[in-house]
Amino acid sequence: MVRTGLLVRLVAKPGREGDLAEFLQLGLPLAEQEPATTAWFALRLGPVEFGIFDAFPDEAGRTAHLQGQIAAALMAKAPELLAEPPTIEQVDVLAAKLPG
């Protein structure tokens, strides 16, 4: 069961859209190594807007993810790839359907 999540919105710098898309795809193997990351999605929302949605069973899982390798890599690359700082929203998951 997932109870918490993160919704992250990212806006690419002009001309860096492809680089940001590639960077997000590289996050999947890192997410797969996090036992408390139940679901992880990298999204393209529009021509320059991207996102990440991930879900966790509890607050401890969300906190571990925020302190993990994906968050560190995103913050390190943000000045190079993003037109503005990422918007990171902590959300509560009300209902979910996951494979299982």
N, C-alpha and C. Protein backbone atom coordinates (compact mmCIF):
# COMPACT_ATOMS: atom_id res chain seq x y z
N MET A 1 0.84 -1.19 0.00
CA MET A 1 0.00 0.00 0.00
C MET A 1 0.88 1.25 0.00
N VAL A 2 0.52 2.21 -0.78
CA VAL A 2 1.23 3.49 -0.79
C VAL A 2 0.35 4.52 -0.09
N ARG A 3 1.01 5.36 0.67
CA ARG A 3 0.28 6.37 1.43
C ARG A 3 0.80 7.79 1.19
N THR A 4 2.07 7.90 0.78
CA THR A 4 2.65 9.22 0.56
C THR A 4 3.31 9.27 -0.81
N GLY A 5 3.55 10.48 -1.29
CA GLY A 5 4.20 10.62 -2.58
C GLY A 5 4.87 11.96 -2.72
N LEU A 6 5.50 12.12 -3.86
CA LEU A 6 6.12 13.39 -4.24
C LEU A 6 5.69 13.70 -5.66
N LEU A 7 5.36 14.96 -5.90
CA LEU A 7 5.07 15.44 -7.23
C LEU A 7 6.05 16.57 -7.50
N VAL A 8 6.93 16.35 -8.46
CA VAL A 8 8.00 17.29 -8.77
C VAL A 8 7.77 17.83 -10.17
N ARG A 9 7.80 19.16 -10.29
CA ARG A 9 7.67 19.80 -11.61
C ARG A 9 9.01 20.45 -11.97
N LEU A 10 9.42 20.23 -13.22
CA LEU A 10 10.71 20.71 -13.71
C LEU A 10 10.51 21.44 -15.03
N VAL A 11 11.13 22.59 -15.17
CA VAL A 11 11.07 23.35 -16.42
C VAL A 11 12.48 23.42 -16.99
N ALA A 12 12.64 22.89 -18.20
CA ALA A 12 13.96 22.83 -18.83
C ALA A 12 14.39 24.21 -19.33
N LYS A 13 15.70 24.45 -19.28
CA LYS A 13 16.26 25.63 -19.93
C LYS A 13 16.07 25.48 -21.43
N PRO A 14 15.94 26.60 -22.15
CA PRO A 14 15.82 26.51 -23.61
C PRO A 14 16.98 25.71 -24.21
N GLY A 15 16.63 24.78 -25.07
CA GLY A 15 17.62 23.95 -25.73
C GLY A 15 18.11 22.77 -24.91
N ARG A 16 17.67 22.64 -23.66
CA ARG A 16 18.13 21.55 -22.79
C ARG A 16 17.04 20.49 -22.55
N GLU A 17 15.96 20.57 -23.29
CA GLU A 17 14.85 19.65 -23.10
C GLU A 17 15.28 18.19 -23.27
N GLY A 18 16.03 17.90 -24.32
CA GLY A 18 16.50 16.54 -24.56
C GLY A 18 17.44 16.05 -23.47
N ASP A 19 18.29 16.94 -22.99
CA ASP A 19 19.21 16.58 -21.91
C ASP A 19 18.46 16.26 -20.63
N LEU A 20 17.41 17.05 -20.34
CA LEU A 20 16.62 16.80 -19.13
C LEU A 20 15.87 15.48 -19.26
N ALA A 21 15.31 15.21 -20.42
CA ALA A 21 14.60 13.94 -20.64
C ALA A 21 15.55 12.76 -20.44
N GLU A 22 16.74 12.86 -20.98
CA GLU A 22 17.73 11.78 -20.84
C GLU A 22 18.15 11.63 -19.37
N PHE A 23 18.36 12.74 -18.70
CA PHE A 23 18.73 12.71 -17.28
C PHE A 23 17.65 12.01 -16.45
N LEU A 24 16.38 12.32 -16.72
CA LEU A 24 15.30 11.69 -15.97
C LEU A 24 15.24 10.19 -16.22
N GLN A 25 15.49 9.77 -17.45
CA GLN A 25 15.49 8.34 -17.76
C GLN A 25 16.58 7.60 -16.99
N LEU A 26 17.69 8.28 -16.73
CA LEU A 26 18.79 7.66 -15.98
C LEU A 26 18.44 7.48 -14.51
N GLY A 27 17.37 8.11 -14.05
CA GLY A 27 16.95 7.96 -12.66
C GLY A 27 16.29 6.63 -12.36
N LEU A 28 15.77 5.96 -13.37
CA LEU A 28 15.06 4.69 -13.13
C LEU A 28 15.90 3.65 -12.40
N PRO A 29 17.14 3.36 -12.82
CA PRO A 29 17.92 2.35 -12.08
C PRO A 29 18.15 2.74 -10.62
N LEU A 30 18.28 4.04 -10.35
CA LEU A 30 18.44 4.48 -8.96
C LEU A 30 17.16 4.25 -8.17
N ALA A 31 16.01 4.55 -8.77
CA ALA A 31 14.72 4.32 -8.10
C ALA A 31 14.51 2.84 -7.83
N GLU A 32 14.94 2.00 -8.76
CA GLU A 32 14.78 0.55 -8.57
C GLU A 32 15.59 0.02 -7.40
N GLN A 33 16.63 0.75 -7.00
CA GLN A 33 17.46 0.33 -5.87
C GLN A 33 16.90 0.77 -4.51
N GLU A 34 15.86 1.58 -4.52
CA GLU A 34 15.27 2.08 -3.29
C GLU A 34 14.10 1.19 -2.87
N PRO A 35 14.26 0.39 -1.83
CA PRO A 35 13.20 -0.55 -1.46
C PRO A 35 11.88 0.13 -1.08
N ALA A 36 11.92 1.33 -0.56
CA ALA A 36 10.68 1.99 -0.13
C ALA A 36 10.05 2.84 -1.24
N THR A 37 10.66 2.88 -2.43
CA THR A 37 10.04 3.59 -3.55
C THR A 37 9.17 2.58 -4.28
N THR A 38 7.87 2.62 -3.99
CA THR A 38 6.92 1.66 -4.53
C THR A 38 6.65 1.92 -6.01
N ALA A 39 6.56 3.19 -6.38
CA ALA A 39 6.30 3.57 -7.77
C ALA A 39 7.11 4.81 -8.08
N TRP A 40 7.64 4.89 -9.30
CA TRP A 40 8.44 6.04 -9.72
C TRP A 40 8.17 6.28 -11.20
N PHE A 41 7.80 7.50 -11.54
CA PHE A 41 7.50 7.86 -12.92
C PHE A 41 8.23 9.14 -13.28
N ALA A 42 8.91 9.15 -14.42
CA ALA A 42 9.46 10.37 -15.01
C ALA A 42 8.50 10.74 -16.14
N LEU A 43 8.09 12.01 -16.19
CA LEU A 43 7.03 12.44 -17.09
C LEU A 43 7.46 13.61 -17.96
N ARG A 44 6.91 13.66 -19.15
CA ARG A 44 7.02 14.86 -19.98
C ARG A 44 5.62 15.45 -20.03
N LEU A 45 5.48 16.67 -19.51
CA LEU A 45 4.17 17.31 -19.40
C LEU A 45 3.89 18.27 -20.55
N GLY A 46 4.93 18.68 -21.25
CA GLY A 46 4.79 19.62 -22.36
C GLY A 46 6.13 19.82 -23.02
N PRO A 47 6.25 20.78 -23.91
CA PRO A 47 7.50 20.97 -24.64
C PRO A 47 8.71 21.22 -23.73
N VAL A 48 8.53 21.98 -22.66
CA VAL A 48 9.66 22.29 -21.78
C VAL A 48 9.41 21.87 -20.33
N GLU A 49 8.21 21.35 -20.04
CA GLU A 49 7.87 20.98 -18.66
C GLU A 49 7.90 19.47 -18.49
N PHE A 50 8.58 19.05 -17.43
CA PHE A 50 8.74 17.64 -17.09
C PHE A 50 8.29 17.44 -15.65
N GLY A 51 8.21 16.20 -15.24
CA GLY A 51 7.83 15.93 -13.87
C GLY A 51 8.30 14.58 -13.41
N ILE A 52 8.23 14.40 -12.11
CA ILE A 52 8.49 13.12 -11.48
C ILE A 52 7.35 12.89 -10.49
N PHE A 53 6.79 11.70 -10.50
CA PHE A 53 5.86 11.30 -9.45
C PHE A 53 6.37 10.01 -8.87
N ASP A 54 6.47 9.96 -7.57
CA ASP A 54 6.85 8.72 -6.91
C ASP A 54 6.00 8.52 -5.68
N ALA A 55 5.86 7.26 -5.26
CA ALA A 55 4.99 6.91 -4.15
C ALA A 55 5.72 5.98 -3.19
N PHE A 56 5.31 6.08 -1.92
CA PHE A 56 5.99 5.38 -0.84
C PHE A 56 4.97 4.84 0.16
N PRO A 57 5.33 3.80 0.91
CA PRO A 57 4.38 3.25 1.87
C PRO A 57 4.16 4.15 3.09
N ASP A 58 5.14 5.00 3.37
CA ASP A 58 5.05 5.82 4.58
C ASP A 58 6.01 7.00 4.51
N GLU A 59 5.97 7.83 5.53
CA GLU A 59 6.81 9.03 5.58
C GLU A 59 8.29 8.68 5.60
N ALA A 60 8.66 7.59 6.26
CA ALA A 60 10.07 7.18 6.31
C ALA A 60 10.60 6.89 4.91
N GLY A 61 9.80 6.25 4.07
CA GLY A 61 10.21 5.97 2.70
C GLY A 61 10.39 7.24 1.88
N ARG A 62 9.45 8.17 2.07
CA ARG A 62 9.55 9.45 1.35
C ARG A 62 10.79 10.22 1.79
N THR A 63 11.04 10.24 3.09
CA THR A 63 12.21 10.94 3.62
C THR A 63 13.50 10.32 3.10
N ALA A 64 13.55 8.99 3.09
CA ALA A 64 14.75 8.30 2.58
C ALA A 64 14.99 8.66 1.12
N HIS A 65 13.92 8.74 0.34
CA HIS A 65 14.06 9.09 -1.07
C HIS A 65 14.58 10.53 -1.23
N LEU A 66 14.02 11.44 -0.45
CA LEU A 66 14.45 12.84 -0.53
C LEU A 66 15.91 13.02 -0.13
N GLN A 67 16.43 12.10 0.66
CA GLN A 67 17.82 12.16 1.09
C GLN A 67 18.72 11.24 0.26
N GLY A 68 18.16 10.66 -0.79
CA GLY A 68 18.88 9.66 -1.58
C GLY A 68 19.58 10.21 -2.81
N GLN A 69 20.03 9.28 -3.65
CA GLN A 69 20.86 9.60 -4.81
C GLN A 69 20.11 10.38 -5.90
N ILE A 70 18.83 10.07 -6.10
CA ILE A 70 18.09 10.76 -7.16
C ILE A 70 17.95 12.24 -6.82
N ALA A 71 17.55 12.54 -5.61
CA ALA A 71 17.39 13.95 -5.19
C ALA A 71 18.73 14.68 -5.26
N ALA A 72 19.79 14.03 -4.82
CA ALA A 72 21.11 14.67 -4.86
C ALA A 72 21.53 14.95 -6.30
N ALA A 73 21.30 13.99 -7.19
CA ALA A 73 21.67 14.18 -8.60
C ALA A 73 20.84 15.30 -9.23
N LEU A 74 19.55 15.35 -8.90
CA LEU A 74 18.70 16.40 -9.45
C LEU A 74 19.17 17.78 -9.00
N MET A 75 19.48 17.92 -7.74
CA MET A 75 19.91 19.23 -7.24
C MET A 75 21.27 19.62 -7.82
N ALA A 76 22.13 18.64 -8.07
CA ALA A 76 23.44 18.94 -8.67
C ALA A 76 23.29 19.40 -10.12
N LYS A 77 22.34 18.83 -10.85
CA LYS A 77 22.15 19.15 -12.26
C LYS A 77 21.20 20.32 -12.49
N ALA A 78 20.45 20.72 -11.47
CA ALA A 78 19.43 21.76 -11.63
C ALA A 78 19.97 23.04 -12.26
N PRO A 79 21.09 23.60 -11.80
CA PRO A 79 21.56 24.85 -12.42
C PRO A 79 21.87 24.71 -13.91
N GLU A 80 22.30 23.54 -14.31
CA GLU A 80 22.67 23.30 -15.71
C GLU A 80 21.46 23.07 -16.61
N LEU A 81 20.44 22.35 -16.10
CA LEU A 81 19.34 21.90 -16.94
C LEU A 81 18.03 22.66 -16.76
N LEU A 82 17.82 23.28 -15.60
CA LEU A 82 16.51 23.84 -15.28
C LEU A 82 16.47 25.36 -15.40
N ALA A 83 15.35 25.87 -15.92
CA ALA A 83 15.14 27.30 -16.05
C ALA A 83 14.75 27.94 -14.73
N GLU A 84 14.27 27.13 -13.80
CA GLU A 84 13.87 27.60 -12.47
C GLU A 84 14.03 26.45 -11.49
N PRO A 85 14.08 26.74 -10.20
CA PRO A 85 14.23 25.64 -9.23
C PRO A 85 13.06 24.66 -9.34
N PRO A 86 13.31 23.38 -9.08
CA PRO A 86 12.21 22.41 -9.13
C PRO A 86 11.17 22.72 -8.07
N THR A 87 9.92 22.44 -8.41
CA THR A 87 8.83 22.54 -7.45
C THR A 87 8.59 21.14 -6.90
N ILE A 88 8.78 20.96 -5.61
CA ILE A 88 8.63 19.64 -4.98
C ILE A 88 7.47 19.70 -4.00
N GLU A 89 6.42 18.94 -4.30
CA GLU A 89 5.24 18.91 -3.44
C GLU A 89 5.13 17.54 -2.78
N GLN A 90 4.96 17.55 -1.47
CA GLN A 90 4.67 16.31 -0.76
C GLN A 90 3.17 16.09 -0.79
N VAL A 91 2.76 14.92 -1.25
CA VAL A 91 1.34 14.63 -1.41
C VAL A 91 0.97 13.38 -0.61
N ASP A 92 -0.31 13.29 -0.29
CA ASP A 92 -0.87 12.09 0.31
C ASP A 92 -1.57 11.30 -0.80
N VAL A 93 -1.35 10.02 -0.86
CA VAL A 93 -2.00 9.16 -1.84
C VAL A 93 -3.30 8.69 -1.24
N LEU A 94 -4.40 9.01 -1.87
CA LEU A 94 -5.72 8.64 -1.36
C LEU A 94 -6.15 7.26 -1.84
N ALA A 95 -5.74 6.88 -3.05
CA ALA A 95 -6.08 5.57 -3.61
C ALA A 95 -5.06 5.27 -4.70
N ALA A 96 -4.77 3.99 -4.90
CA ALA A 96 -3.80 3.59 -5.91
C ALA A 96 -4.11 2.19 -6.42
N LYS A 97 -3.78 1.95 -7.67
CA LYS A 97 -3.82 0.62 -8.26
C LYS A 97 -2.43 0.33 -8.78
N LEU A 98 -1.78 -0.64 -8.21
CA LEU A 98 -0.44 -1.02 -8.60
C LEU A 98 -0.41 -2.49 -8.97
N PRO A 99 0.53 -2.88 -9.84
CA PRO A 99 0.64 -4.31 -10.12
C PRO A 99 1.08 -5.06 -8.87
N GLY A 100 0.68 -6.26 -8.78
CA GLY A 100 1.13 -6.92 -7.58
C GLY A 100 0.75 -8.30 -7.45
